[in-house]
PDB file of all heavy atoms in Angstrom:
ATOM      1  N   TYR A   1       0.840  -1.198   0.000  1.00  0.00           N
ATOM      2  CA  TYR A   1       0.000   0.000   0.000  1.00  0.00           C
ATOM      3  C   TYR A   1       0.870   1.241   0.000  1.00  0.00           C
ATOM      4  O   TYR A   1       2.067   1.186   0.271  1.00  0.00           O
ATOM      5  CB  TYR A   1      -0.949   0.009   1.208  1.00  0.00           C
ATOM      6  CG  TYR A   1      -0.245   0.137   2.540  1.00  0.00           C
ATOM      7  CD1 TYR A   1      -0.082   1.379   3.146  1.00  0.00           C
ATOM      8  CD2 TYR A   1       0.265  -0.973   3.195  1.00  0.00           C
ATOM      9  CE1 TYR A   1       0.565   1.507   4.359  1.00  0.00           C
ATOM     10  CE2 TYR A   1       0.909  -0.864   4.404  1.00  0.00           C
ATOM     11  CZ  TYR A   1       1.050   0.377   4.987  1.00  0.00           C
ATOM     12  OH  TYR A   1       1.707   0.502   6.200  1.00  0.00           O
ATOM     13  N   ASP A   2       0.255   2.364  -0.327  1.00  0.00           N
ATOM     14  CA  ASP A   2       0.949   3.641  -0.176  1.00  0.00           C
ATOM     15  C   ASP A   2       0.066   4.578   0.631  1.00  0.00           C
ATOM     16  O   ASP A   2      -1.145   4.405   0.699  1.00  0.00           O
ATOM     17  CB  ASP A   2       1.366   4.248  -1.520  1.00  0.00           C
ATOM     18  CG  ASP A   2       0.210   4.523  -2.453  1.00  0.00           C
ATOM     19  OD1 ASP A   2      -0.819   5.065  -2.005  1.00  0.00           O
ATOM     20  OD2 ASP A   2       0.324   4.203  -3.650  1.00  0.00           O
ATOM     21  N   GLU A   3       0.701   5.523   1.265  1.00  0.00           N
ATOM     22  CA  GLU A   3      -0.043   6.487   2.076  1.00  0.00           C
ATOM     23  C   GLU A   3       0.543   7.877   1.908  1.00  0.00           C
ATOM     24  O   GLU A   3       1.731   8.038   1.685  1.00  0.00           O
ATOM     25  CB  GLU A   3      -0.062   6.083   3.547  1.00  0.00           C
ATOM     26  CG  GLU A   3       1.270   6.039   4.240  1.00  0.00           C
ATOM     27  CD  GLU A   3       1.167   5.611   5.688  1.00  0.00           C
ATOM     28  OE1 GLU A   3       0.192   5.996   6.361  1.00  0.00           O
ATOM     29  OE2 GLU A   3       2.055   4.894   6.140  1.00  0.00           O
ATOM     30  N   LYS A   4      -0.344   8.847   2.009  1.00  0.00           N
ATOM     31  CA  LYS A   4       0.074  10.247   1.993  1.00  0.00           C
ATOM     32  C   LYS A   4      -0.118  10.788   3.393  1.00  0.00           C
ATOM     33  O   LYS A   4      -1.041  10.421   4.103  1.00  0.00           O
ATOM     34  CB  LYS A   4      -0.786  11.032   0.999  1.00  0.00           C
ATOM     35  CG  LYS A   4      -0.608  10.582  -0.432  1.00  0.00           C
ATOM     36  CD  LYS A   4      -1.473  11.398  -1.360  1.00  0.00           C
ATOM     37  CE  LYS A   4      -1.302  10.929  -2.796  1.00  0.00           C
ATOM     38  NZ  LYS A   4      -2.184  11.626  -3.719  1.00  0.00           N
ATOM     39  N   LYS A   5       0.762  11.660   3.784  1.00  0.00           N
ATOM     40  CA  LYS A   5       0.715  12.192   5.144  1.00  0.00           C
ATOM     41  C   LYS A   5      -0.562  12.980   5.442  1.00  0.00           C
ATOM     42  O   LYS A   5      -1.055  12.977   6.543  1.00  0.00           O
ATOM     43  CB  LYS A   5       1.946  13.051   5.415  1.00  0.00           C
ATOM     44  CG  LYS A   5       3.227  12.250   5.389  1.00  0.00           C
ATOM     45  CD  LYS A   5       4.304  12.937   6.167  1.00  0.00           C
ATOM     46  CE  LYS A   5       5.610  12.208   6.009  1.00  0.00           C
ATOM     47  NZ  LYS A   5       5.843  11.175   6.954  1.00  0.00           N
ATOM     48  N   GLN A   6      -1.109  13.660   4.432  1.00  0.00           N
ATOM     49  CA  GLN A   6      -2.282  14.505   4.648  1.00  0.00           C
ATOM     50  C   GLN A   6      -3.594  13.706   4.672  1.00  0.00           C
ATOM     51  O   GLN A   6      -4.607  14.192   5.133  1.00  0.00           O
ATOM     52  CB  GLN A   6      -2.419  15.571   3.541  1.00  0.00           C
ATOM     53  CG  GLN A   6      -1.164  16.342   3.233  1.00  0.00           C
ATOM     54  CD  GLN A   6      -0.300  15.669   2.177  1.00  0.00           C
ATOM     55  OE1 GLN A   6      -0.129  14.466   2.164  1.00  0.00           O
ATOM     56  NE2 GLN A   6       0.274  16.465   1.289  1.00  0.00           N
ATOM     57  N   ILE A   7      -3.583  12.478   4.167  1.00  0.00           N
ATOM     58  CA  ILE A   7      -4.809  11.691   4.026  1.00  0.00           C
ATOM     59  C   ILE A   7      -4.763  10.507   4.985  1.00  0.00           C
ATOM     60  O   ILE A   7      -3.757   9.814   5.078  1.00  0.00           O
ATOM     61  CB  ILE A   7      -4.964  11.197   2.571  1.00  0.00           C
ATOM     62  CG1 ILE A   7      -5.003  12.396   1.621  1.00  0.00           C
ATOM     63  CG2 ILE A   7      -6.207  10.349   2.413  1.00  0.00           C
ATOM     64  CD1 ILE A   7      -4.962  12.022   0.162  1.00  0.00           C
ATOM     65  N   SER A   8      -5.866  10.271   5.694  1.00  0.00           N
ATOM     66  CA  SER A   8      -5.879   9.181   6.670  1.00  0.00           C
ATOM     67  C   SER A   8      -6.051   7.810   6.016  1.00  0.00           C
ATOM     68  O   SER A   8      -5.625   6.810   6.572  1.00  0.00           O
ATOM     69  CB  SER A   8      -6.988   9.409   7.702  1.00  0.00           C
ATOM     70  OG  SER A   8      -8.247   9.367   7.073  1.00  0.00           O
ATOM     71  N   LEU A   9      -6.680   7.755   4.846  1.00  0.00           N
ATOM     72  CA  LEU A   9      -6.875   6.479   4.163  1.00  0.00           C
ATOM     73  C   LEU A   9      -5.625   6.099   3.375  1.00  0.00           C
ATOM     74  O   LEU A   9      -5.005   6.942   2.739  1.00  0.00           O
ATOM     75  CB  LEU A   9      -8.053   6.554   3.188  1.00  0.00           C
ATOM     76  CG  LEU A   9      -9.439   6.764   3.781  1.00  0.00           C
ATOM     77  CD1 LEU A   9     -10.456   6.943   2.671  1.00  0.00           C
ATOM     78  CD2 LEU A   9      -9.833   5.610   4.670  1.00  0.00           C
ATOM     79  N   VAL A  10      -5.279   4.811   3.410  1.00  0.00           N
ATOM     80  CA  VAL A  10      -4.180   4.327   2.585  1.00  0.00           C
ATOM     81  C   VAL A  10      -4.765   3.815   1.273  1.00  0.00           C
ATOM     82  O   VAL A  10      -5.958   3.564   1.168  1.00  0.00           O
ATOM     83  CB  VAL A  10      -3.370   3.211   3.295  1.00  0.00           C
ATOM     84  CG1 VAL A  10      -2.751   3.736   4.569  1.00  0.00           C
ATOM     85  CG2 VAL A  10      -4.203   1.985   3.542  1.00  0.00           C
ATOM     86  N   ARG A  11      -3.908   3.660   0.291  1.00  0.00           N
ATOM     87  CA  ARG A  11      -4.347   3.160  -1.019  1.00  0.00           C
ATOM     88  C   ARG A  11      -3.677   1.807  -1.251  1.00  0.00           C
ATOM     89  O   ARG A  11      -2.457   1.725  -1.351  1.00  0.00           O
ATOM     90  CB  ARG A  11      -3.945   4.158  -2.099  1.00  0.00           C
ATOM     91  CG  ARG A  11      -4.390   3.800  -3.476  1.00  0.00           C
ATOM     92  CD  ARG A  11      -3.894   4.872  -4.448  1.00  0.00           C
ATOM     93  NE  ARG A  11      -4.123   4.496  -5.802  1.00  0.00           N
ATOM     94  CZ  ARG A  11      -5.182   4.884  -6.513  1.00  0.00           C
ATOM     95  NH1 ARG A  11      -6.084   5.668  -5.971  1.00  0.00           N
ATOM     96  NH2 ARG A  11      -5.316   4.483  -7.755  1.00  0.00           N
ATOM     97  N   LEU A  12      -4.489   0.765  -1.321  1.00  0.00           N
ATOM     98  CA  LEU A  12      -3.954  -0.575  -1.531  1.00  0.00           C
ATOM     99  C   LEU A  12      -3.529  -0.741  -2.979  1.00  0.00           C
ATOM    100  O   LEU A  12      -4.263  -0.384  -3.893  1.00  0.00           O
ATOM    101  CB  LEU A  12      -4.995  -1.635  -1.182  1.00  0.00           C
ATOM    102  CG  LEU A  12      -5.546  -1.634   0.241  1.00  0.00           C
ATOM    103  CD1 LEU A  12      -6.524  -2.774   0.425  1.00  0.00           C
ATOM    104  CD2 LEU A  12      -4.444  -1.715   1.254  1.00  0.00           C
ATOM    105  N   GLN A  13      -2.358  -1.308  -3.166  1.00  0.00           N
ATOM    106  CA  GLN A  13      -1.847  -1.558  -4.510  1.00  0.00           C
ATOM    107  C   GLN A  13      -2.094  -3.006  -4.931  1.00  0.00           C
ATOM    108  O   GLN A  13      -2.529  -3.257  -6.043  1.00  0.00           O
ATOM    109  CB  GLN A  13      -0.352  -1.239  -4.585  1.00  0.00           C
ATOM    110  CG  GLN A  13      -0.025   0.210  -4.319  1.00  0.00           C
ATOM    111  CD  GLN A  13      -0.666   1.147  -5.327  1.00  0.00           C
ATOM    112  OE1 GLN A  13      -0.774   0.837  -6.504  1.00  0.00           O
ATOM    113  NE2 GLN A  13      -1.128   2.291  -4.860  1.00  0.00           N
ATOM    114  N   GLU A  14      -1.759  -3.933  -4.042  1.00  0.00           N
ATOM    115  CA  GLU A  14      -2.013  -5.345  -4.323  1.00  0.00           C
ATOM    116  C   GLU A  14      -1.940  -6.146  -3.038  1.00  0.00           C
ATOM    117  O   GLU A  14      -1.393  -5.682  -2.039  1.00  0.00           O
ATOM    118  CB  GLU A  14      -1.029  -5.904  -5.351  1.00  0.00           C
ATOM    119  CG  GLU A  14       0.418  -5.871  -4.936  1.00  0.00           C
ATOM    120  CD  GLU A  14       1.348  -6.375  -6.033  1.00  0.00           C
ATOM    121  OE1 GLU A  14       1.746  -5.545  -6.872  1.00  0.00           O
ATOM    122  OE2 GLU A  14       1.659  -7.580  -6.034  1.00  0.00           O
ATOM    123  N   VAL A  15      -2.522  -7.348  -3.081  1.00  0.00           N
ATOM    124  CA  VAL A  15      -2.491  -8.248  -1.936  1.00  0.00           C
ATOM    125  C   VAL A  15      -2.102  -9.645  -2.406  1.00  0.00           C
ATOM    126  O   VAL A  15      -2.342 -10.005  -3.556  1.00  0.00           O
ATOM    127  CB  VAL A  15      -3.848  -8.302  -1.190  1.00  0.00           C
ATOM    128  CG1 VAL A  15      -4.234  -6.940  -0.663  1.00  0.00           C
ATOM    129  CG2 VAL A  15      -4.941  -8.870  -2.062  1.00  0.00           C
ATOM    130  N   HIS A  16      -1.485 -10.397  -1.497  1.00  0.00           N
ATOM    131  CA  HIS A  16      -1.130 -11.789  -1.758  1.00  0.00           C
ATOM    132  C   HIS A  16      -1.612 -12.602  -0.558  1.00  0.00           C
ATOM    133  O   HIS A  16      -1.235 -12.298   0.577  1.00  0.00           O
ATOM    134  CB  HIS A  16       0.377 -11.953  -1.943  1.00  0.00           C
ATOM    135  CG  HIS A  16       0.922 -11.138  -3.066  1.00  0.00           C
ATOM    136  ND1 HIS A  16       0.804 -11.516  -4.380  1.00  0.00           N
ATOM    137  CD2 HIS A  16       1.557  -9.936  -3.071  1.00  0.00           C
ATOM    138  CE1 HIS A  16       1.348 -10.589  -5.149  1.00  0.00           C
ATOM    139  NE2 HIS A  16       1.818  -9.615  -4.376  1.00  0.00           N
ATOM    140  N   ILE A  17      -2.424 -13.597  -0.814  1.00  0.00           N
ATOM    141  CA  ILE A  17      -3.002 -14.398   0.262  1.00  0.00           C
ATOM    142  C   ILE A  17      -1.942 -15.317   0.869  1.00  0.00           C
ATOM    143  O   ILE A  17      -1.267 -16.046   0.158  1.00  0.00           O
ATOM    144  CB  ILE A  17      -4.196 -15.224  -0.251  1.00  0.00           C
ATOM    145  CG1 ILE A  17      -5.301 -14.300  -0.762  1.00  0.00           C
ATOM    146  CG2 ILE A  17      -4.724 -16.157   0.839  1.00  0.00           C
ATOM    147  CD1 ILE A  17      -6.435 -15.007  -1.460  1.00  0.00           C
ATOM    148  N   ILE A  18      -1.828 -15.268   2.200  1.00  0.00           N
ATOM    149  CA  ILE A  18      -0.960 -16.178   2.941  1.00  0.00           C
ATOM    150  C   ILE A  18      -1.793 -17.362   3.426  1.00  0.00           C
ATOM    151  O   ILE A  18      -1.420 -18.507   3.272  1.00  0.00           O
ATOM    152  CB  ILE A  18      -0.283 -15.467   4.133  1.00  0.00           C
ATOM    153  CG1 ILE A  18       0.629 -14.353   3.631  1.00  0.00           C
ATOM    154  CG2 ILE A  18       0.487 -16.466   4.992  1.00  0.00           C
ATOM    155  CD1 ILE A  18       1.183 -13.456   4.724  1.00  0.00           C
ATOM    156  N   ASN A  19      -2.945 -17.054   4.042  1.00  0.00           N
ATOM    157  CA  ASN A  19      -3.842 -18.097   4.539  1.00  0.00           C
ATOM    158  C   ASN A  19      -5.274 -17.570   4.448  1.00  0.00           C
ATOM    159  O   ASN A  19      -5.595 -16.545   5.044  1.00  0.00           O
ATOM    160  CB  ASN A  19      -3.492 -18.459   5.981  1.00  0.00           C
ATOM    161  CG  ASN A  19      -4.232 -19.678   6.486  1.00  0.00           C
ATOM    162  OD1 ASN A  19      -5.194 -20.145   5.880  1.00  0.00           O
ATOM    163  ND2 ASN A  19      -3.781 -20.196   7.618  1.00  0.00           N
ATOM    164  N   ALA A  20      -6.121 -18.289   3.721  1.00  0.00           N
ATOM    165  CA  ALA A  20      -7.516 -17.861   3.561  1.00  0.00           C
ATOM    166  C   ALA A  20      -8.418 -18.442   4.643  1.00  0.00           C
ATOM    167  O   ALA A  20      -9.593 -18.099   4.713  1.00  0.00           O
ATOM    168  CB  ALA A  20      -8.038 -18.265   2.187  1.00  0.00           C
ATOM    169  N   TYR A  21      -7.891 -19.300   5.493  1.00  0.00           N
ATOM    170  CA  TYR A  21      -8.663 -19.955   6.558  1.00  0.00           C
ATOM    171  C   TYR A  21      -9.949 -20.580   6.010  1.00  0.00           C
ATOM    172  O   TYR A  21     -11.037 -20.361   6.547  1.00  0.00           O
ATOM    173  CB  TYR A  21      -8.974 -18.974   7.696  1.00  0.00           C
ATOM    174  CG  TYR A  21      -7.744 -18.508   8.423  1.00  0.00           C
ATOM    175  CD1 TYR A  21      -7.274 -17.217   8.263  1.00  0.00           C
ATOM    176  CD2 TYR A  21      -7.032 -19.367   9.242  1.00  0.00           C
ATOM    177  CE1 TYR A  21      -6.125 -16.787   8.917  1.00  0.00           C
ATOM    178  CE2 TYR A  21      -5.888 -18.950   9.902  1.00  0.00           C
ATOM    179  CZ  TYR A  21      -5.443 -17.660   9.742  1.00  0.00           C
ATOM    180  OH  TYR A  21      -4.311 -17.241  10.384  1.00  0.00           O
ATOM    181  N   THR A  22      -9.824 -21.364   4.971  1.00  0.00           N
ATOM    182  CA  THR A  22     -11.010 -21.948   4.335  1.00  0.00           C
ATOM    183  C   THR A  22     -11.734 -22.926   5.255  1.00  0.00           C
ATOM    184  O   THR A  22     -12.968 -22.943   5.272  1.00  0.00           O
ATOM    185  CB  THR A  22     -10.635 -22.663   3.018  1.00  0.00           C
ATOM    186  OG1 THR A  22      -9.553 -23.546   3.252  1.00  0.00           O
ATOM    187  CG2 THR A  22     -10.259 -21.667   1.949  1.00  0.00           C
ATOM    188  N   ARG A  23     -11.000 -23.732   6.046  1.00  0.00           N
ATOM    189  CA  ARG A  23     -11.677 -24.657   6.978  1.00  0.00           C
ATOM    190  C   ARG A  23     -12.453 -23.885   8.036  1.00  0.00           C
ATOM    191  O   ARG A  23     -13.528 -24.300   8.450  1.00  0.00           O
ATOM    192  CB  ARG A  23     -10.670 -25.588   7.638  1.00  0.00           C
ATOM    193  CG  ARG A  23     -10.235 -26.716   6.702  1.00  0.00           C
ATOM    194  CD  ARG A  23      -9.406 -27.740   7.411  1.00  0.00           C
ATOM    195  NE  ARG A  23      -8.087 -27.176   7.660  1.00  0.00           N
ATOM    196  CZ  ARG A  23      -7.293 -27.513   8.651  1.00  0.00           C
ATOM    197  NH1 ARG A  23      -7.659 -28.428   9.510  1.00  0.00           N
ATOM    198  NH2 ARG A  23      -6.108 -26.949   8.789  1.00  0.00           N
ATOM    199  N   LEU A  24     -11.926 -22.770   8.460  1.00  0.00           N
ATOM    200  CA  LEU A  24     -12.613 -21.939   9.449  1.00  0.00           C
ATOM    201  C   LEU A  24     -13.896 -21.351   8.849  1.00  0.00           C
ATOM    202  O   LEU A  24     -14.933 -21.321   9.482  1.00  0.00           O
ATOM    203  CB  LEU A  24     -11.665 -20.831   9.907  1.00  0.00           C
ATOM    204  CG  LEU A  24     -12.074 -19.979  11.081  1.00  0.00           C
ATOM    205  CD1 LEU A  24     -10.827 -19.584  11.858  1.00  0.00           C
ATOM    206  CD2 LEU A  24     -12.788 -18.748  10.664  1.00  0.00           C
ATOM    207  N   LYS A  25     -13.822 -20.918   7.594  1.00  0.00           N
ATOM    208  CA  LYS A  25     -14.975 -20.280   6.938  1.00  0.00           C
ATOM    209  C   LYS A  25     -16.058 -21.274   6.529  1.00  0.00           C
ATOM    210  O   LYS A  25     -17.185 -20.882   6.272  1.00  0.00           O
ATOM    211  CB  LYS A  25     -14.495 -19.497   5.711  1.00  0.00           C
ATOM    212  CG  LYS A  25     -13.653 -18.296   6.066  1.00  0.00           C
ATOM    213  CD  LYS A  25     -13.102 -17.626   4.838  1.00  0.00           C
ATOM    214  CE  LYS A  25     -12.172 -16.504   5.192  1.00  0.00           C
ATOM    215  NZ  LYS A  25     -11.518 -15.922   4.025  1.00  0.00           N
ATOM    216  N   GLU A  26     -15.734 -22.550   6.481  1.00  0.00           N
ATOM    217  CA  GLU A  26     -16.724 -23.567   6.135  1.00  0.00           C
ATOM    218  C   GLU A  26     -17.654 -23.882   7.296  1.00  0.00           C
ATOM    219  O   GLU A  26     -18.730 -24.427   7.100  1.00  0.00           O
ATOM    220  CB  GLU A  26     -16.026 -24.853   5.676  1.00  0.00           C
ATOM    221  CG  GLU A  26     -15.354 -24.725   4.334  1.00  0.00           C
ATOM    222  CD  GLU A  26     -14.471 -25.911   3.995  1.00  0.00           C
ATOM    223  OE1 GLU A  26     -14.256 -26.798   4.860  1.00  0.00           O
ATOM    224  OE2 GLU A  26     -13.977 -25.950   2.854  1.00  0.00           O
ATOM    225  N   ASN A  27     -17.240 -23.564   8.506  1.00  0.00           N
ATOM    226  CA  ASN A  27     -18.030 -23.856   9.699  1.00  0.00           C
ATOM    227  C   ASN A  27     -18.594 -22.539  10.240  1.00  0.00           C
ATOM    228  O   ASN A  27     -17.836 -21.651  10.644  1.00  0.00           O
ATOM    229  CB  ASN A  27     -17.126 -24.529  10.743  1.00  0.00           C
ATOM    230  CG  ASN A  27     -17.851 -24.917  12.008  1.00  0.00           C
ATOM    231  OD1 ASN A  27     -18.687 -24.184  12.521  1.00  0.00           O
ATOM    232  ND2 ASN A  27     -17.506 -26.082  12.519  1.00  0.00           N
ATOM    233  N   LEU A  28     -19.908 -22.414  10.258  1.00  0.00           N
ATOM    234  CA  LEU A  28     -20.549 -21.152  10.660  1.00  0.00           C
ATOM    235  C   LEU A  28     -20.192 -20.754  12.090  1.00  0.00           C
ATOM    236  O   LEU A  28     -19.946 -19.578  12.369  1.00  0.00           O
ATOM    237  CB  LEU A  28     -22.067 -21.270  10.498  1.00  0.00           C
ATOM    238  CG  LEU A  28     -22.866 -20.005  10.740  1.00  0.00           C
ATOM    239  CD1 LEU A  28     -22.450 -18.909   9.763  1.00  0.00           C
ATOM    240  CD2 LEU A  28     -24.350 -20.274  10.625  1.00  0.00           C
ATOM    241  N   ASN A  29     -20.126 -21.724  12.997  1.00  0.00           N
ATOM    242  CA  ASN A  29     -19.794 -21.433  14.385  1.00  0.00           C
ATOM    243  C   ASN A  29     -18.364 -20.904  14.512  1.00  0.00           C
ATOM    244  O   ASN A  29     -18.113 -19.910  15.188  1.00  0.00           O
ATOM    245  CB  ASN A  29     -19.987 -22.690  15.238  1.00  0.00           C
ATOM    246  CG  ASN A  29     -20.026 -22.386  16.713  1.00  0.00           C
ATOM    247  OD1 ASN A  29     -20.640 -21.418  17.148  1.00  0.00           O
ATOM    248  ND2 ASN A  29     -19.370 -23.231  17.490  1.00  0.00           N
ATOM    249  N   LYS A  30     -17.419 -21.560  13.836  1.00  0.00           N
ATOM    250  CA  LYS A  30     -16.025 -21.114  13.874  1.00  0.00           C
ATOM    251  C   LYS A  30     -15.883 -19.738  13.222  1.00  0.00           C
ATOM    252  O   LYS A  30     -15.122 -18.895  13.691  1.00  0.00           O
ATOM    253  CB  LYS A  30     -15.123 -22.114  13.162  1.00  0.00           C
ATOM    254  CG  LYS A  30     -14.882 -23.393  13.937  1.00  0.00           C
ATOM    255  CD  LYS A  30     -13.959 -24.305  13.164  1.00  0.00           C
ATOM    256  CE  LYS A  30     -13.763 -25.617  13.849  1.00  0.00           C
ATOM    257  NZ  LYS A  30     -12.797 -25.573  14.924  1.00  0.00           N
ATOM    258  N   MET A  31     -16.629 -19.513  12.153  1.00  0.00           N
ATOM    259  CA  MET A  31     -16.570 -18.222  11.474  1.00  0.00           C
ATOM    260  C   MET A  31     -17.088 -17.102  12.386  1.00  0.00           C
ATOM    261  O   MET A  31     -16.526 -16.005  12.418  1.00  0.00           O
ATOM    262  CB  MET A  31     -17.379 -18.265  10.184  1.00  0.00           C
ATOM    263  CG  MET A  31     -17.140 -17.096   9.292  1.00  0.00           C
ATOM    264  SD  MET A  31     -17.884 -17.441   7.705  1.00  0.00           S
ATOM    265  CE  MET A  31     -18.065 -15.794   7.097  1.00  0.00           C
ATOM    266  N   ALA A  32     -18.128 -17.402  13.148  1.00  0.00           N
ATOM    267  CA  ALA A  32     -18.666 -16.414  14.090  1.00  0.00           C
ATOM    268  C   ALA A  32     -17.637 -16.088  15.174  1.00  0.00           C
ATOM    269  O   ALA A  32     -17.428 -14.918  15.509  1.00  0.00           O
ATOM    270  CB  ALA A  32     -19.950 -16.936  14.723  1.00  0.00           C
ATOM    271  N   TYR A  33     -16.974 -17.105  15.708  1.00  0.00           N
ATOM    272  CA  TYR A  33     -15.939 -16.855  16.710  1.00  0.00           C
ATOM    273  C   TYR A  33     -14.750 -16.110  16.112  1.00  0.00           C
ATOM    274  O   TYR A  33     -14.185 -15.231  16.746  1.00  0.00           O
ATOM    275  CB  TYR A  33     -15.479 -18.164  17.367  1.00  0.00           C
ATOM    276  CG  TYR A  33     -16.369 -18.575  18.509  1.00  0.00           C
ATOM    277  CD1 TYR A  33     -17.295 -19.593  18.360  1.00  0.00           C
ATOM    278  CD2 TYR A  33     -16.293 -17.934  19.742  1.00  0.00           C
ATOM    279  CE1 TYR A  33     -18.122 -19.969  19.399  1.00  0.00           C
ATOM    280  CE2 TYR A  33     -17.115 -18.297  20.790  1.00  0.00           C
ATOM    281  CZ  TYR A  33     -18.031 -19.320  20.616  1.00  0.00           C
ATOM    282  OH  TYR A  33     -18.852 -19.677  21.653  1.00  0.00           O
ATOM    283  N   GLY A  34     -14.372 -16.469  14.893  1.00  0.00           N
ATOM    284  CA  GLY A  34     -13.286 -15.752  14.221  1.00  0.00           C
ATOM    285  C   GLY A  34     -13.614 -14.285  14.035  1.00  0.00           C
ATOM    286  O   GLY A  34     -12.773 -13.405  14.249  1.00  0.00           O
ATOM    287  N   SER A  35     -14.850 -13.995  13.656  1.00  0.00           N
ATOM    288  CA  SER A  35     -15.289 -12.601  13.503  1.00  0.00           C
ATOM    289  C   SER A  35     -15.278 -11.878  14.842  1.00  0.00           C
ATOM    290  O   SER A  35     -14.919 -10.705  14.918  1.00  0.00           O
ATOM    291  CB  SER A  35     -16.692 -12.557  12.897  1.00  0.00           C
ATOM    292  OG  SER A  35     -16.678 -13.095  11.603  1.00  0.00           O
ATOM    293  N   TYR A  36     -15.647 -12.598  15.896  1.00  0.00           N
ATOM    294  CA  TYR A  36     -15.607 -12.017  17.238  1.00  0.00           C
ATOM    295  C   TYR A  36     -14.166 -11.678  17.628  1.00  0.00           C
ATOM    296  O   TYR A  36     -13.895 -10.604  18.170  1.00  0.00           O
ATOM    297  CB  TYR A  36     -16.225 -12.990  18.241  1.00  0.00           C
ATOM    298  CG  TYR A  36     -16.018 -12.594  19.683  1.00  0.00           C
ATOM    299  CD1 TYR A  36     -16.605 -11.447  20.206  1.00  0.00           C
ATOM    300  CD2 TYR A  36     -15.226 -13.364  20.530  1.00  0.00           C
ATOM    301  CE1 TYR A  36     -16.406 -11.075  21.523  1.00  0.00           C
ATOM    302  CE2 TYR A  36     -15.027 -13.008  21.847  1.00  0.00           C
ATOM    303  CZ  TYR A  36     -15.615 -11.863  22.339  1.00  0.00           C
ATOM    304  OH  TYR A  36     -15.415 -11.491  23.644  1.00  0.00           O
ATOM    305  N   PHE A  37     -13.217 -12.585  17.329  1.00  0.00           N
ATOM    306  CA  PHE A  37     -11.806 -12.332  17.624  1.00  0.00           C
ATOM    307  C   PHE A  37     -11.327 -11.077  16.884  1.00  0.00           C
ATOM    308  O   PHE A  37     -10.641 -10.228  17.458  1.00  0.00           O
ATOM    309  CB  PHE A  37     -10.933 -13.510  17.217  1.00  0.00           C
ATOM    310  CG  PHE A  37     -11.133 -14.772  18.018  1.00  0.00           C
ATOM    311  CD1 PHE A  37     -10.459 -15.919  17.676  1.00  0.00           C
ATOM    312  CD2 PHE A  37     -12.001 -14.835  19.100  1.00  0.00           C
ATOM    313  CE1 PHE A  37     -10.620 -17.096  18.401  1.00  0.00           C
ATOM    314  CE2 PHE A  37     -12.184 -15.998  19.824  1.00  0.00           C
ATOM    315  CZ  PHE A  37     -11.486 -17.138  19.468  1.00  0.00           C
ATOM    316  N   LEU A  38     -11.690 -10.978  15.600  1.00  0.00           N
ATOM    317  CA  LEU A  38     -11.299  -9.804  14.809  1.00  0.00           C
ATOM    318  C   LEU A  38     -11.866  -8.523  15.410  1.00  0.00           C
ATOM    319  O   LEU A  38     -11.170  -7.517  15.526  1.00  0.00           O
ATOM    320  CB  LEU A  38     -11.804  -9.930  13.372  1.00  0.00           C
ATOM    321  CG  LEU A  38     -11.055 -10.851  12.440  1.00  0.00           C
ATOM    322  CD1 LEU A  38     -11.723 -10.855  11.072  1.00  0.00           C
ATOM    323  CD2 LEU A  38      -9.609 -10.453  12.306  1.00  0.00           C
ATOM    324  N   GLU A  39     -13.139  -8.559  15.760  1.00  0.00           N
ATOM    325  CA  GLU A  39     -13.810  -7.376  16.323  1.00  0.00           C
ATOM    326  C   GLU A  39     -13.146  -6.953  17.632  1.00  0.00           C
ATOM    327  O   GLU A  39     -12.898  -5.769  17.876  1.00  0.00           O
ATOM    328  CB  GLU A  39     -15.286  -7.694  16.552  1.00  0.00           C
ATOM    329  CG  GLU A  39     -16.103  -6.527  17.000  1.00  0.00           C
ATOM    330  CD  GLU A  39     -16.460  -5.577  15.881  1.00  0.00           C
ATOM    331  OE1 GLU A  39     -16.457  -5.991  14.715  1.00  0.00           O
ATOM    332  OE2 GLU A  39     -16.739  -4.410  16.196  1.00  0.00           O
ATOM    333  N   LEU A  40     -12.846  -7.933  18.469  1.00  0.00           N
ATOM    334  CA  LEU A  40     -12.227  -7.653  19.764  1.00  0.00           C
ATOM    335  C   LEU A  40     -10.857  -7.000  19.598  1.00  0.00           C
ATOM    336  O   LEU A  40     -10.575  -5.958  20.190  1.00  0.00           O
ATOM    337  CB  LEU A  40     -12.105  -8.965  20.547  1.00  0.00           C
ATOM    338  CG  LEU A  40     -11.870  -8.894  22.032  1.00  0.00           C
ATOM    339  CD1 LEU A  40     -13.008  -8.169  22.724  1.00  0.00           C
ATOM    340  CD2 LEU A  40     -11.733 -10.295  22.591  1.00  0.00           C
ATOM    341  N   ILE A  41     -10.013  -7.595  18.775  1.00  0.00           N
ATOM    342  CA  ILE A  41      -8.667  -7.050  18.555  1.00  0.00           C
ATOM    343  C   ILE A  41      -8.751  -5.713  17.821  1.00  0.00           C
ATOM    344  O   ILE A  41      -7.976  -4.799  18.092  1.00  0.00           O
ATOM    345  CB  ILE A  41      -7.784  -8.050  17.779  1.00  0.00           C
ATOM    346  CG1 ILE A  41      -7.645  -9.361  18.550  1.00  0.00           C
ATOM    347  CG2 ILE A  41      -6.416  -7.457  17.473  1.00  0.00           C
ATOM    348  CD1 ILE A  41      -6.916  -9.280  19.865  1.00  0.00           C
ATOM    349  N   SER A  42      -9.702  -5.584  16.911  1.00  0.00           N
ATOM    350  CA  SER A  42      -9.878  -4.326  16.181  1.00  0.00           C
ATOM    351  C   SER A  42     -10.213  -3.168  17.116  1.00  0.00           C
ATOM    352  O   SER A  42      -9.786  -2.038  16.901  1.00  0.00           O
ATOM    353  CB  SER A  42     -10.975  -4.490  15.128  1.00  0.00           C
ATOM    354  OG  SER A  42     -11.158  -3.301  14.415  1.00  0.00           O
ATOM    355  N   GLU A  43     -10.962  -3.441  18.158  1.00  0.00           N
ATOM    356  CA  GLU A  43     -11.311  -2.401  19.133  1.00  0.00           C
ATOM    357  C   GLU A  43     -10.103  -2.004  19.976  1.00  0.00           C
ATOM    358  O   GLU A  43      -9.986  -0.870  20.411  1.00  0.00           O
ATOM    359  CB  GLU A  43     -12.449  -2.874  20.045  1.00  0.00           C
ATOM    360  CG  GLU A  43     -13.786  -2.924  19.369  1.00  0.00           C
ATOM    361  CD  GLU A  43     -14.256  -1.570  18.867  1.00  0.00           C
ATOM    362  OE1 GLU A  43     -14.131  -0.568  19.614  1.00  0.00           O
ATOM    363  OE2 GLU A  43     -14.756  -1.510  17.732  1.00  0.00           O
TER     364      GLU A  43
END
């Protein structure tokens, strides 16, 4: 990504997947807990 000092948003150039957690996303319960983990750490 690139960022400008005056702008708070960054501009993504490209991404490369390391782990898509496909087994986690196949199970609704695990996906809900994973989303909870993300929300918690994000806060």
